[in-house]
PDB file of all heavy atoms in Angstrom:
ATOM      1  N   ILE A   1      73.166   1.392 -17.536  1.00  0.00           N
ATOM      2  CA  ILE A   1      71.833   2.243 -17.236  1.00  0.00           C
ATOM      3  C   ILE A   1      70.604   1.357 -17.409  1.00  0.00           C
ATOM      4  O   ILE A   1      69.767   1.390 -16.510  1.00  0.00           O
ATOM      5  CB  ILE A   1      71.805   3.413 -18.229  1.00  0.00           C
ATOM      6  CG1 ILE A   1      73.052   4.390 -18.012  1.00  0.00           C
ATOM      7  CG2 ILE A   1      70.558   4.228 -17.885  1.00  0.00           C
ATOM      8  CD1 ILE A   1      73.069   5.466 -19.082  1.00  0.00           C
ATOM      9  N   LEU A   2      70.473   0.654 -18.503  1.00  0.00           N
ATOM     10  CA  LEU A   2      69.365  -0.160 -18.732  1.00  0.00           C
ATOM     11  C   LEU A   2      69.069  -1.412 -17.722  1.00  0.00           C
ATOM     12  O   LEU A   2      67.985  -1.769 -17.515  1.00  0.00           O
ATOM     13  CB  LEU A   2      69.383  -0.830 -20.125  1.00  0.00           C
ATOM     14  CG  LEU A   2      69.242   0.145 -21.285  1.00  0.00           C
ATOM     15  CD1 LEU A   2      69.430  -0.680 -22.644  1.00  0.00           C
ATOM     16  CD2 LEU A   2      67.925   0.781 -21.432  1.00  0.00           C
ATOM     17  N   SER A   3      70.175  -1.619 -16.965  1.00  0.00           N
ATOM     18  CA  SER A   3      70.000  -2.685 -15.881  1.00  0.00           C
ATOM     19  C   SER A   3      69.662  -2.146 -14.617  1.00  0.00           C
ATOM     20  O   SER A   3      69.245  -2.906 -13.620  1.00  0.00           O
ATOM     21  CB  SER A   3      71.329  -3.468 -15.767  1.00  0.00           C
ATOM     22  OG  SER A   3      72.380  -2.516 -15.096  1.00  0.00           O
ATOM     23  N   TRP A   4      69.507  -0.927 -14.403  1.00  0.00           N
ATOM     24  CA  TRP A   4      69.196  -0.156 -13.139  1.00  0.00           C
ATOM     25  C   TRP A   4      67.719  -0.389 -12.824  1.00  0.00           C
ATOM     26  O   TRP A   4      66.842   0.030 -13.669  1.00  0.00           O
ATOM     27  CB  TRP A   4      69.507   1.299 -13.087  1.00  0.00           C
ATOM     28  CG  TRP A   4      70.995   1.547 -13.255  1.00  0.00           C
ATOM     29  CD1 TRP A   4      72.014   0.688 -13.153  1.00  0.00           C
ATOM     30  CD2 TRP A   4      71.488   2.881 -13.523  1.00  0.00           C
ATOM     31  NE1 TRP A   4      73.150   1.309 -13.386  1.00  0.00           N
ATOM     32  CE2 TRP A   4      72.947   2.691 -13.677  1.00  0.00           C
ATOM     33  CE3 TRP A   4      71.022   4.121 -13.714  1.00  0.00           C
ATOM     34  CZ2 TRP A   4      73.837   3.678 -13.963  1.00  0.00           C
ATOM     35  CZ3 TRP A   4      71.926   5.100 -14.050  1.00  0.00           C
ATOM     36  CH2 TRP A   4      73.348   4.919 -14.118  1.00  0.00           C
ATOM     37  N   SER A   5      67.430  -0.937 -11.631  1.00  0.00           N
ATOM     38  CA  SER A   5      66.068  -1.010 -11.195  1.00  0.00           C
ATOM     39  C   SER A   5      65.359   0.357 -10.822  1.00  0.00           C
ATOM     40  O   SER A   5      64.163   0.522 -10.956  1.00  0.00           O
ATOM     41  CB  SER A   5      65.971  -1.936  -9.963  1.00  0.00           C
ATOM     42  OG  SER A   5      66.729  -1.314  -8.941  1.00  0.00           O
ATOM     43  N   ASP A   6      66.222   1.274 -10.538  1.00  0.00           N
ATOM     44  CA  ASP A   6      65.665   2.612 -10.247  1.00  0.00           C
ATOM     45  C   ASP A   6      65.879   3.602 -11.421  1.00  0.00           C
ATOM     46  O   ASP A   6      65.809   4.780 -11.177  1.00  0.00           O
ATOM     47  CB  ASP A   6      66.488   3.208  -9.051  1.00  0.00           C
ATOM     48  CG  ASP A   6      67.902   3.459  -9.225  1.00  0.00           C
ATOM     49  OD1 ASP A   6      68.552   2.949 -10.254  1.00  0.00           O
ATOM     50  OD2 ASP A   6      68.509   4.297  -8.529  1.00  0.00           O
ATOM     51  N   ARG A   7      66.050   3.116 -12.647  1.00  0.00           N
ATOM     52  CA  ARG A   7      66.283   4.033 -13.746  1.00  0.00           C
ATOM     53  C   ARG A   7      65.068   4.951 -13.948  1.00  0.00           C
ATOM     54  O   ARG A   7      63.902   4.459 -13.909  1.00  0.00           O
ATOM     55  CB  ARG A   7      66.458   3.235 -15.002  1.00  0.00           C
ATOM     56  CG  ARG A   7      66.726   4.098 -16.250  1.00  0.00           C
ATOM     57  CD  ARG A   7      67.299   3.314 -17.433  1.00  0.00           C
ATOM     58  NE  ARG A   7      66.442   2.304 -17.910  1.00  0.00           N
ATOM     59  CZ  ARG A   7      65.434   2.400 -18.769  1.00  0.00           C
ATOM     60  NH1 ARG A   7      65.157   3.689 -19.242  1.00  0.00           N
ATOM     61  NH2 ARG A   7      64.665   1.442 -19.149  1.00  0.00           N
ATOM     62  N   PHE A   8      65.357   6.258 -14.120  1.00  0.00           N
ATOM     63  CA  PHE A   8      64.295   7.213 -14.431  1.00  0.00           C
ATOM     64  C   PHE A   8      63.623   6.975 -15.741  1.00  0.00           C
ATOM     65  O   PHE A   8      64.304   6.712 -16.741  1.00  0.00           O
ATOM     66  CB  PHE A   8      64.858   8.648 -14.456  1.00  0.00           C
ATOM     67  CG  PHE A   8      63.782   9.658 -14.589  1.00  0.00           C
ATOM     68  CD1 PHE A   8      63.055  10.160 -13.517  1.00  0.00           C
ATOM     69  CD2 PHE A   8      63.543  10.220 -15.832  1.00  0.00           C
ATOM     70  CE1 PHE A   8      62.079  11.122 -13.718  1.00  0.00           C
ATOM     71  CE2 PHE A   8      62.484  11.232 -15.977  1.00  0.00           C
ATOM     72  CZ  PHE A   8      61.831  11.581 -14.943  1.00  0.00           C
ATOM     73  N   LEU A   9      62.374   6.805 -15.737  1.00  0.00           N
ATOM     74  CA  LEU A   9      61.504   6.569 -16.983  1.00  0.00           C
ATOM     75  C   LEU A   9      60.764   7.751 -17.309  1.00  0.00           C
ATOM     76  O   LEU A   9      60.142   8.366 -16.636  1.00  0.00           O
ATOM     77  CB  LEU A   9      60.532   5.368 -16.683  1.00  0.00           C
ATOM     78  CG  LEU A   9      61.187   4.069 -16.306  1.00  0.00           C
ATOM     79  CD1 LEU A   9      60.007   3.047 -16.070  1.00  0.00           C
ATOM     80  CD2 LEU A   9      61.998   3.500 -17.478  1.00  0.00           C
ATOM     81  N   THR A  10      60.933   8.103 -18.608  1.00  0.00           N
ATOM     82  CA  THR A  10      60.133   9.241 -19.164  1.00  0.00           C
ATOM     83  C   THR A  10      58.716   8.904 -19.342  1.00  0.00           C
ATOM     84  O   THR A  10      58.297   7.638 -19.210  1.00  0.00           O
ATOM     85  CB  THR A  10      60.709   9.691 -20.495  1.00  0.00           C
ATOM     86  OG1 THR A  10      60.475   8.721 -21.439  1.00  0.00           O
ATOM     87  CG2 THR A  10      62.169  10.081 -20.412  1.00  0.00           C
ATOM     88  N   ARG A  11      57.822   9.864 -19.391  1.00  0.00           N
ATOM     89  CA  ARG A  11      56.447   9.660 -19.747  1.00  0.00           C
ATOM     90  C   ARG A  11      56.296   8.729 -20.999  1.00  0.00           C
ATOM     91  O   ARG A  11      55.428   7.909 -20.980  1.00  0.00           O
ATOM     92  CB  ARG A  11      55.761  10.958 -19.879  1.00  0.00           C
ATOM     93  CG  ARG A  11      54.178  10.847 -20.106  1.00  0.00           C
ATOM     94  CD  ARG A  11      53.619  12.226 -20.371  1.00  0.00           C
ATOM     95  NE  ARG A  11      53.966  13.172 -19.334  1.00  0.00           N
ATOM     96  CZ  ARG A  11      54.645  14.243 -19.488  1.00  0.00           C
ATOM     97  NH1 ARG A  11      55.150  14.541 -20.711  1.00  0.00           N
ATOM     98  NH2 ARG A  11      54.931  15.084 -18.560  1.00  0.00           N
ATOM     99  N   GLU A  12      57.074   9.027 -21.967  1.00  0.00           N
ATOM    100  CA  GLU A  12      56.936   8.366 -23.250  1.00  0.00           C
ATOM    101  C   GLU A  12      57.308   6.922 -23.079  1.00  0.00           C
ATOM    102  O   GLU A  12      56.741   6.020 -23.557  1.00  0.00           O
ATOM    103  CB  GLU A  12      57.855   8.994 -24.275  1.00  0.00           C
ATOM    104  CG  GLU A  12      57.439  10.370 -24.772  1.00  0.00           C
ATOM    105  CD  GLU A  12      57.891  11.475 -23.769  1.00  0.00           C
ATOM    106  OE1 GLU A  12      58.470  11.247 -22.708  1.00  0.00           O
ATOM    107  OE2 GLU A  12      57.398  12.648 -23.984  1.00  0.00           O
ATOM    108  N   GLU A  13      58.400   6.630 -22.290  1.00  0.00           N
ATOM    109  CA  GLU A  13      58.777   5.190 -22.041  1.00  0.00           C
ATOM    110  C   GLU A  13      57.688   4.452 -21.188  1.00  0.00           C
ATOM    111  O   GLU A  13      57.393   3.355 -21.514  1.00  0.00           O
ATOM    112  CB  GLU A  13      60.026   5.168 -21.117  1.00  0.00           C
ATOM    113  CG  GLU A  13      61.295   5.481 -21.820  1.00  0.00           C
ATOM    114  CD  GLU A  13      62.519   5.407 -20.913  1.00  0.00           C
ATOM    115  OE1 GLU A  13      62.725   6.344 -20.130  1.00  0.00           O
ATOM    116  OE2 GLU A  13      63.196   4.383 -20.954  1.00  0.00           O
ATOM    117  N   GLN A  14      57.084   5.104 -20.237  1.00  0.00           N
ATOM    118  CA  GLN A  14      56.102   4.526 -19.469  1.00  0.00           C
ATOM    119  C   GLN A  14      54.790   4.043 -20.287  1.00  0.00           C
ATOM    120  O   GLN A  14      54.293   3.069 -20.183  1.00  0.00           O
ATOM    121  CB  GLN A  14      55.631   5.335 -18.376  1.00  0.00           C
ATOM    122  CG  GLN A  14      56.717   5.506 -17.249  1.00  0.00           C
ATOM    123  CD  GLN A  14      56.378   6.616 -16.178  1.00  0.00           C
ATOM    124  OE1 GLN A  14      55.580   7.503 -16.387  1.00  0.00           O
ATOM    125  NE2 GLN A  14      56.948   6.295 -15.002  1.00  0.00           N
ATOM    126  N   LEU A  15      54.411   5.042 -21.263  1.00  0.00           N
ATOM    127  CA  LEU A  15      53.320   4.862 -22.110  1.00  0.00           C
ATOM    128  C   LEU A  15      53.550   3.592 -23.051  1.00  0.00           C
ATOM    129  O   LEU A  15      52.702   2.747 -23.149  1.00  0.00           O
ATOM    130  CB  LEU A  15      52.989   6.095 -22.951  1.00  0.00           C
ATOM    131  CG  LEU A  15      52.400   7.156 -22.187  1.00  0.00           C
ATOM    132  CD1 LEU A  15      52.341   8.470 -23.054  1.00  0.00           C
ATOM    133  CD2 LEU A  15      50.925   6.827 -21.769  1.00  0.00           C
ATOM    134  N   VAL A  16      54.770   3.550 -23.611  1.00  0.00           N
ATOM    135  CA  VAL A  16      55.098   2.453 -24.460  1.00  0.00           C
ATOM    136  C   VAL A  16      55.158   1.128 -23.757  1.00  0.00           C
ATOM    137  O   VAL A  16      54.772   0.029 -24.239  1.00  0.00           O
ATOM    138  CB  VAL A  16      56.426   2.774 -25.244  1.00  0.00           C
ATOM    139  CG1 VAL A  16      56.881   1.420 -26.061  1.00  0.00           C
ATOM    140  CG2 VAL A  16      56.250   3.922 -26.237  1.00  0.00           C
ATOM    141  N   ALA A  17      55.809   1.173 -22.540  1.00  0.00           N
ATOM    142  CA  ALA A  17      55.854  -0.026 -21.723  1.00  0.00           C
ATOM    143  C   ALA A  17      54.605  -0.611 -21.273  1.00  0.00           C
ATOM    144  O   ALA A  17      54.429  -1.819 -21.110  1.00  0.00           O
ATOM    145  CB  ALA A  17      56.815   0.266 -20.566  1.00  0.00           C
ATOM    146  N   SER A  18      53.637   0.290 -21.034  1.00  0.00           N
ATOM    147  CA  SER A  18      52.341  -0.220 -20.382  1.00  0.00           C
ATOM    148  C   SER A  18      51.177  -0.361 -21.425  1.00  0.00           C
ATOM    149  O   SER A  18      50.259  -0.950 -21.068  1.00  0.00           O
ATOM    150  CB  SER A  18      51.858   0.810 -19.284  1.00  0.00           C
ATOM    151  OG  SER A  18      51.662   2.018 -19.851  1.00  0.00           O
ATOM    152  N   GLY A  19      51.316   0.263 -22.500  1.00  0.00           N
ATOM    153  CA  GLY A  19      50.203   0.319 -23.449  1.00  0.00           C
ATOM    154  C   GLY A  19      50.286  -0.741 -24.533  1.00  0.00           C
ATOM    155  O   GLY A  19      51.363  -1.326 -24.805  1.00  0.00           O
ATOM    156  N   THR A  20      49.112  -1.140 -25.023  1.00  0.00           N
ATOM    157  CA  THR A  20      49.015  -2.150 -26.129  1.00  0.00           C
ATOM    158  C   THR A  20      48.546  -1.485 -27.353  1.00  0.00           C
ATOM    159  O   THR A  20      48.372  -2.183 -28.373  1.00  0.00           O
ATOM    160  CB  THR A  20      48.042  -3.250 -25.635  1.00  0.00           C
ATOM    161  OG1 THR A  20      46.777  -2.690 -25.275  1.00  0.00           O
ATOM    162  CG2 THR A  20      48.630  -4.005 -24.543  1.00  0.00           C
ATOM    163  N   ASP A  21      48.254  -0.247 -27.369  1.00  0.00           N
ATOM    164  CA  ASP A  21      47.721   0.523 -28.413  1.00  0.00           C
ATOM    165  C   ASP A  21      48.880   0.771 -29.377  1.00  0.00           C
ATOM    166  O   ASP A  21      49.749   1.670 -29.032  1.00  0.00           O
ATOM    167  CB  ASP A  21      47.091   1.828 -27.973  1.00  0.00           C
ATOM    168  CG  ASP A  21      46.437   2.612 -29.092  1.00  0.00           C
ATOM    169  OD1 ASP A  21      46.735   2.313 -30.220  1.00  0.00           O
ATOM    170  OD2 ASP A  21      45.555   3.402 -28.750  1.00  0.00           O
ATOM    171  N   LEU A  22      48.899   0.198 -30.563  1.00  0.00           N
ATOM    172  CA  LEU A  22      49.923   0.304 -31.566  1.00  0.00           C
ATOM    173  C   LEU A  22      50.079   1.810 -32.051  1.00  0.00           C
ATOM    174  O   LEU A  22      51.162   2.227 -32.252  1.00  0.00           O
ATOM    175  CB  LEU A  22      49.837  -0.610 -32.738  1.00  0.00           C
ATOM    176  CG  LEU A  22      50.028  -2.075 -32.467  1.00  0.00           C
ATOM    177  CD1 LEU A  22      49.758  -2.865 -33.762  1.00  0.00           C
ATOM    178  CD2 LEU A  22      51.341  -2.352 -31.863  1.00  0.00           C
ATOM    179  N   ALA A  23      48.936   2.409 -32.156  1.00  0.00           N
ATOM    180  CA  ALA A  23      48.999   3.831 -32.636  1.00  0.00           C
ATOM    181  C   ALA A  23      49.741   4.754 -31.594  1.00  0.00           C
ATOM    182  O   ALA A  23      50.436   5.590 -31.913  1.00  0.00           O
ATOM    183  CB  ALA A  23      47.559   4.342 -32.853  1.00  0.00           C
ATOM    184  N   GLN A  24      49.432   4.487 -30.317  1.00  0.00           N
ATOM    185  CA  GLN A  24      50.119   5.226 -29.210  1.00  0.00           C
ATOM    186  C   GLN A  24      51.503   4.895 -29.283  1.00  0.00           C
ATOM    187  O   GLN A  24      52.390   5.793 -29.032  1.00  0.00           O
ATOM    188  CB  GLN A  24      49.421   4.887 -27.871  1.00  0.00           C
ATOM    189  CG  GLN A  24      50.022   5.664 -26.775  1.00  0.00           C
ATOM    190  CD  GLN A  24      49.408   5.271 -25.406  1.00  0.00           C
ATOM    191  OE1 GLN A  24      49.635   4.107 -24.899  1.00  0.00           O
ATOM    192  NE2 GLN A  24      48.528   6.198 -24.771  1.00  0.00           N
ATOM    193  N   HIS A  25      51.937   3.589 -29.499  1.00  0.00           N
ATOM    194  CA  HIS A  25      53.367   3.274 -29.548  1.00  0.00           C
ATOM    195  C   HIS A  25      54.033   4.036 -30.658  1.00  0.00           C
ATOM    196  O   HIS A  25      55.073   4.579 -30.556  1.00  0.00           O
ATOM    197  CB  HIS A  25      53.384   1.851 -29.844  1.00  0.00           C
ATOM    198  CG  HIS A  25      54.859   1.238 -29.978  1.00  0.00           C
ATOM    199  ND1 HIS A  25      55.660   1.457 -30.998  1.00  0.00           N
ATOM    200  CD2 HIS A  25      55.607   0.570 -28.972  1.00  0.00           C
ATOM    201  CE1 HIS A  25      56.900   0.866 -30.826  1.00  0.00           C
ATOM    202  NE2 HIS A  25      56.781   0.325 -29.624  1.00  0.00           N
ATOM    203  N   ALA A  26      53.333   4.162 -31.800  1.00  0.00           N
ATOM    204  CA  ALA A  26      53.894   4.790 -32.986  1.00  0.00           C
ATOM    205  C   ALA A  26      54.125   6.284 -32.639  1.00  0.00           C
ATOM    206  O   ALA A  26      55.120   6.931 -33.017  1.00  0.00           O
ATOM    207  CB  ALA A  26      53.044   4.685 -34.203  1.00  0.00           C
ATOM    208  N   ASP A  27      53.134   6.897 -31.909  1.00  0.00           N
ATOM    209  CA  ASP A  27      53.116   8.261 -31.663  1.00  0.00           C
ATOM    210  C   ASP A  27      54.315   8.651 -30.773  1.00  0.00           C
ATOM    211  O   ASP A  27      54.964   9.566 -30.835  1.00  0.00           O
ATOM    212  CB  ASP A  27      51.786   8.716 -30.950  1.00  0.00           C
ATOM    213  CG  ASP A  27      51.809  10.193 -30.786  1.00  0.00           C
ATOM    214  OD1 ASP A  27      52.004  10.950 -31.725  1.00  0.00           O
ATOM    215  OD2 ASP A  27      51.482  10.693 -29.694  1.00  0.00           O
ATOM    216  N   GLN A  28      54.667   7.671 -29.802  1.00  0.00           N
ATOM    217  CA  GLN A  28      55.594   7.988 -28.716  1.00  0.00           C
ATOM    218  C   GLN A  28      57.031   7.768 -29.353  1.00  0.00           C
ATOM    219  O   GLN A  28      57.970   8.537 -29.207  1.00  0.00           O
ATOM    220  CB  GLN A  28      55.393   7.215 -27.508  1.00  0.00           C
ATOM    221  CG  GLN A  28      54.095   7.382 -26.771  1.00  0.00           C
ATOM    222  CD  GLN A  28      53.842   8.878 -26.504  1.00  0.00           C
ATOM    223  OE1 GLN A  28      54.811   9.513 -25.971  1.00  0.00           O
ATOM    224  NE2 GLN A  28      52.631   9.296 -26.644  1.00  0.00           N
ATOM    225  N   TYR A  29      57.161   6.531 -29.909  1.00  0.00           N
ATOM    226  CA  TYR A  29      58.505   6.138 -30.433  1.00  0.00           C
ATOM    227  C   TYR A  29      58.870   6.837 -31.798  1.00  0.00           C
ATOM    228  O   TYR A  29      59.913   7.468 -31.987  1.00  0.00           O
ATOM    229  CB  TYR A  29      58.717   4.736 -30.637  1.00  0.00           C
ATOM    230  CG  TYR A  29      60.016   4.306 -31.158  1.00  0.00           C
ATOM    231  CD1 TYR A  29      61.221   4.523 -30.443  1.00  0.00           C
ATOM    232  CD2 TYR A  29      60.151   3.755 -32.477  1.00  0.00           C
ATOM    233  CE1 TYR A  29      62.460   4.188 -31.000  1.00  0.00           C
ATOM    234  CE2 TYR A  29      61.389   3.508 -32.984  1.00  0.00           C
ATOM    235  CZ  TYR A  29      62.573   3.690 -32.304  1.00  0.00           C
ATOM    236  OH  TYR A  29      63.775   3.503 -32.846  1.00  0.00           O
ATOM    237  N   TYR A  30      57.888   6.854 -32.699  1.00  0.00           N
ATOM    238  CA  TYR A  30      58.176   7.256 -34.095  1.00  0.00           C
ATOM    239  C   TYR A  30      57.974   8.811 -34.206  1.00  0.00           C
ATOM    240  O   TYR A  30      58.376   9.449 -35.166  1.00  0.00           O
ATOM    241  CB  TYR A  30      57.359   6.555 -35.102  1.00  0.00           C
ATOM    242  CG  TYR A  30      57.746   5.151 -35.234  1.00  0.00           C
ATOM    243  CD1 TYR A  30      57.057   4.072 -34.748  1.00  0.00           C
ATOM    244  CD2 TYR A  30      58.891   4.891 -35.926  1.00  0.00           C
ATOM    245  CE1 TYR A  30      57.435   2.880 -34.892  1.00  0.00           C
ATOM    246  CE2 TYR A  30      59.326   3.615 -36.123  1.00  0.00           C
ATOM    247  CZ  TYR A  30      58.540   2.506 -35.570  1.00  0.00           C
ATOM    248  OH  TYR A  30      59.106   1.253 -35.712  1.00  0.00           O
ATOM    249  N   ARG A  31      57.450   9.563 -33.114  1.00  0.00           N
ATOM    250  CA  ARG A  31      57.384  10.968 -33.046  1.00  0.00           C
ATOM    251  C   ARG A  31      56.820  11.510 -34.340  1.00  0.00           C
ATOM    252  O   ARG A  31      57.371  12.394 -34.982  1.00  0.00           O
ATOM    253  CB  ARG A  31      58.725  11.621 -32.803  1.00  0.00           C
ATOM    254  CG  ARG A  31      59.296  11.185 -31.495  1.00  0.00           C
ATOM    255  CD  ARG A  31      60.594  11.772 -31.104  1.00  0.00           C
ATOM    256  NE  ARG A  31      60.596  13.188 -31.181  1.00  0.00           N
ATOM    257  CZ  ARG A  31      60.282  13.953 -30.071  1.00  0.00           C
ATOM    258  NH1 ARG A  31      59.926  13.347 -28.952  1.00  0.00           N
ATOM    259  NH2 ARG A  31      60.368  15.306 -30.117  1.00  0.00           N
ATOM    260  N   CYS A  32      55.586  11.084 -34.678  1.00  0.00           N
ATOM    261  CA  CYS A  32      55.024  11.489 -35.981  1.00  0.00           C
ATOM    262  C   CYS A  32      54.653  12.874 -36.105  1.00  0.00           C
ATOM    263  O   CYS A  32      54.225  13.341 -37.173  1.00  0.00           O
ATOM    264  CB  CYS A  32      53.850  10.549 -36.301  1.00  0.00           C
ATOM    265  SG  CYS A  32      54.344   8.845 -36.569  1.00  0.00           S
ATOM    266  N   ASP A  33      54.679  13.615 -35.022  1.00  0.00           N
ATOM    267  CA  ASP A  33      54.401  15.061 -35.088  1.00  0.00           C
ATOM    268  C   ASP A  33      55.621  15.857 -35.581  1.00  0.00           C
ATOM    269  O   ASP A  33      55.441  17.016 -35.910  1.00  0.00           O
ATOM    270  CB  ASP A  33      54.012  15.711 -33.754  1.00  0.00           C
ATOM    271  CG  ASP A  33      55.033  15.336 -32.644  1.00  0.00           C
ATOM    272  OD1 ASP A  33      55.842  14.469 -32.867  1.00  0.00           O
ATOM    273  OD2 ASP A  33      55.079  16.080 -31.644  1.00  0.00           O
ATOM    274  N   ASP A  34      56.749  15.236 -35.750  1.00  0.00           N
ATOM    275  CA  ASP A  34      57.942  15.786 -36.387  1.00  0.00           C
ATOM    276  C   ASP A  34      57.940  15.436 -37.914  1.00  0.00           C
ATOM    277  O   ASP A  34      57.784  14.299 -38.144  1.00  0.00           O
ATOM    278  CB  ASP A  34      59.173  15.211 -35.760  1.00  0.00           C
ATOM    279  CG  ASP A  34      60.494  15.797 -36.299  1.00  0.00           C
ATOM    280  OD1 ASP A  34      60.766  15.524 -37.355  1.00  0.00           O
ATOM    281  OD2 ASP A  34      61.121  16.608 -35.620  1.00  0.00           O
ATOM    282  N   PRO A  35      58.024  16.489 -38.733  1.00  0.00           N
ATOM    283  CA  PRO A  35      57.936  16.254 -40.162  1.00  0.00           C
ATOM    284  C   PRO A  35      58.929  15.269 -40.754  1.00  0.00           C
ATOM    285  O   PRO A  35      58.574  14.356 -41.478  1.00  0.00           O
ATOM    286  CB  PRO A  35      58.086  17.575 -40.795  1.00  0.00           C
ATOM    287  CG  PRO A  35      57.818  18.634 -39.698  1.00  0.00           C
ATOM    288  CD  PRO A  35      58.177  17.916 -38.394  1.00  0.00           C
ATOM    289  N   LEU A  36      60.169  15.326 -40.231  1.00  0.00           N
ATOM    290  CA  LEU A  36      61.118  14.357 -40.840  1.00  0.00           C
ATOM    291  C   LEU A  36      60.900  12.866 -40.207  1.00  0.00           C
ATOM    292  O   LEU A  36      60.982  11.875 -41.054  1.00  0.00           O
ATOM    293  CB  LEU A  36      62.531  14.808 -40.389  1.00  0.00           C
ATOM    294  CG  LEU A  36      63.154  15.885 -41.131  1.00  0.00           C
ATOM    295  CD1 LEU A  36      64.536  16.300 -40.505  1.00  0.00           C
ATOM    296  CD2 LEU A  36      63.357  15.512 -42.644  1.00  0.00           C
ATOM    297  N   CYS A  37      60.552  12.859 -38.964  1.00  0.00           N
ATOM    298  CA  CYS A  37      60.194  11.500 -38.466  1.00  0.00           C
ATOM    299  C   CYS A  37      59.032  10.879 -39.044  1.00  0.00           C
ATOM    300  O   CYS A  37      58.874   9.710 -39.295  1.00  0.00           O
ATOM    301  CB  CYS A  37      60.092  11.652 -36.865  1.00  0.00           C
ATOM    302  SG  CYS A  37      61.567  11.929 -36.010  1.00  0.00           S
ATOM    303  N   SER A  38      57.964  11.689 -39.324  1.00  0.00           N
ATOM    304  CA  SER A  38      56.769  11.227 -39.932  1.00  0.00           C
ATOM    305  C   SER A  38      57.048  10.733 -41.324  1.00  0.00           C
ATOM    306  O   SER A  38      56.465   9.687 -41.677  1.00  0.00           O
ATOM    307  CB  SER A  38      55.806  12.370 -39.958  1.00  0.00           C
ATOM    308  OG  SER A  38      54.640  11.980 -40.594  1.00  0.00           O
TER     309      SER A  38
END
Protein backbone atom coordinates (compact mmCIF):
# COMPACT_ATOMS: atom_id res chain seq x y z
CA ILE A 1 0.00 0.00 0.00
CA LEU A 2 2.72 2.47 0.96
CA SER A 3 4.33 2.03 -2.47
CA TRP A 4 1.21 3.04 -4.41
CA SER A 5 1.49 6.36 -6.24
CA ASP A 6 -2.30 6.71 -6.10
CA ARG A 7 -2.67 5.86 -2.41
CA PHE A 8 -5.52 7.74 -0.78
CA LEU A 9 -4.16 10.27 1.70
CA THR A 10 -6.17 11.48 4.65
CA ARG A 11 -6.31 15.12 5.62
CA GLU A 12 -4.10 14.30 8.61
CA GLU A 13 -1.46 12.65 6.41
CA GLN A 14 -1.43 15.59 4.03
CA LEU A 15 -0.97 18.08 6.88
CA VAL A 16 1.93 16.14 8.36
CA ALA A 17 3.55 15.58 4.96
CA SER A 18 3.35 19.22 3.90
CA GLY A 19 3.73 21.08 7.17
CA THR A 20 6.84 22.12 9.08
CA ASP A 21 4.94 23.18 12.20
CA LEU A 22 5.93 20.70 14.94
CA ALA A 23 2.87 21.60 17.00
CA GLN A 24 0.65 20.74 14.05
CA HIS A 25 2.55 17.47 13.57
CA ALA A 26 1.97 16.60 17.22
CA ASP A 27 -1.72 17.43 16.96
CA GLN A 28 -2.24 15.20 13.91
CA TYR A 29 -0.08 12.20 14.80
CA TYR A 30 -0.20 12.26 18.61
CA ARG A 31 -3.94 13.09 18.73
CA CYS A 32 -3.55 15.19 21.85
CA ASP A 33 -7.28 15.84 22.02
CA ASP A 34 -7.66 12.21 23.14
CA PRO A 35 -7.04 11.91 26.91
CA LEU A 36 -5.08 8.65 26.73
CA CYS A 37 -3.00 9.79 23.75
CA SER A 38 -2.33 13.12 25.42
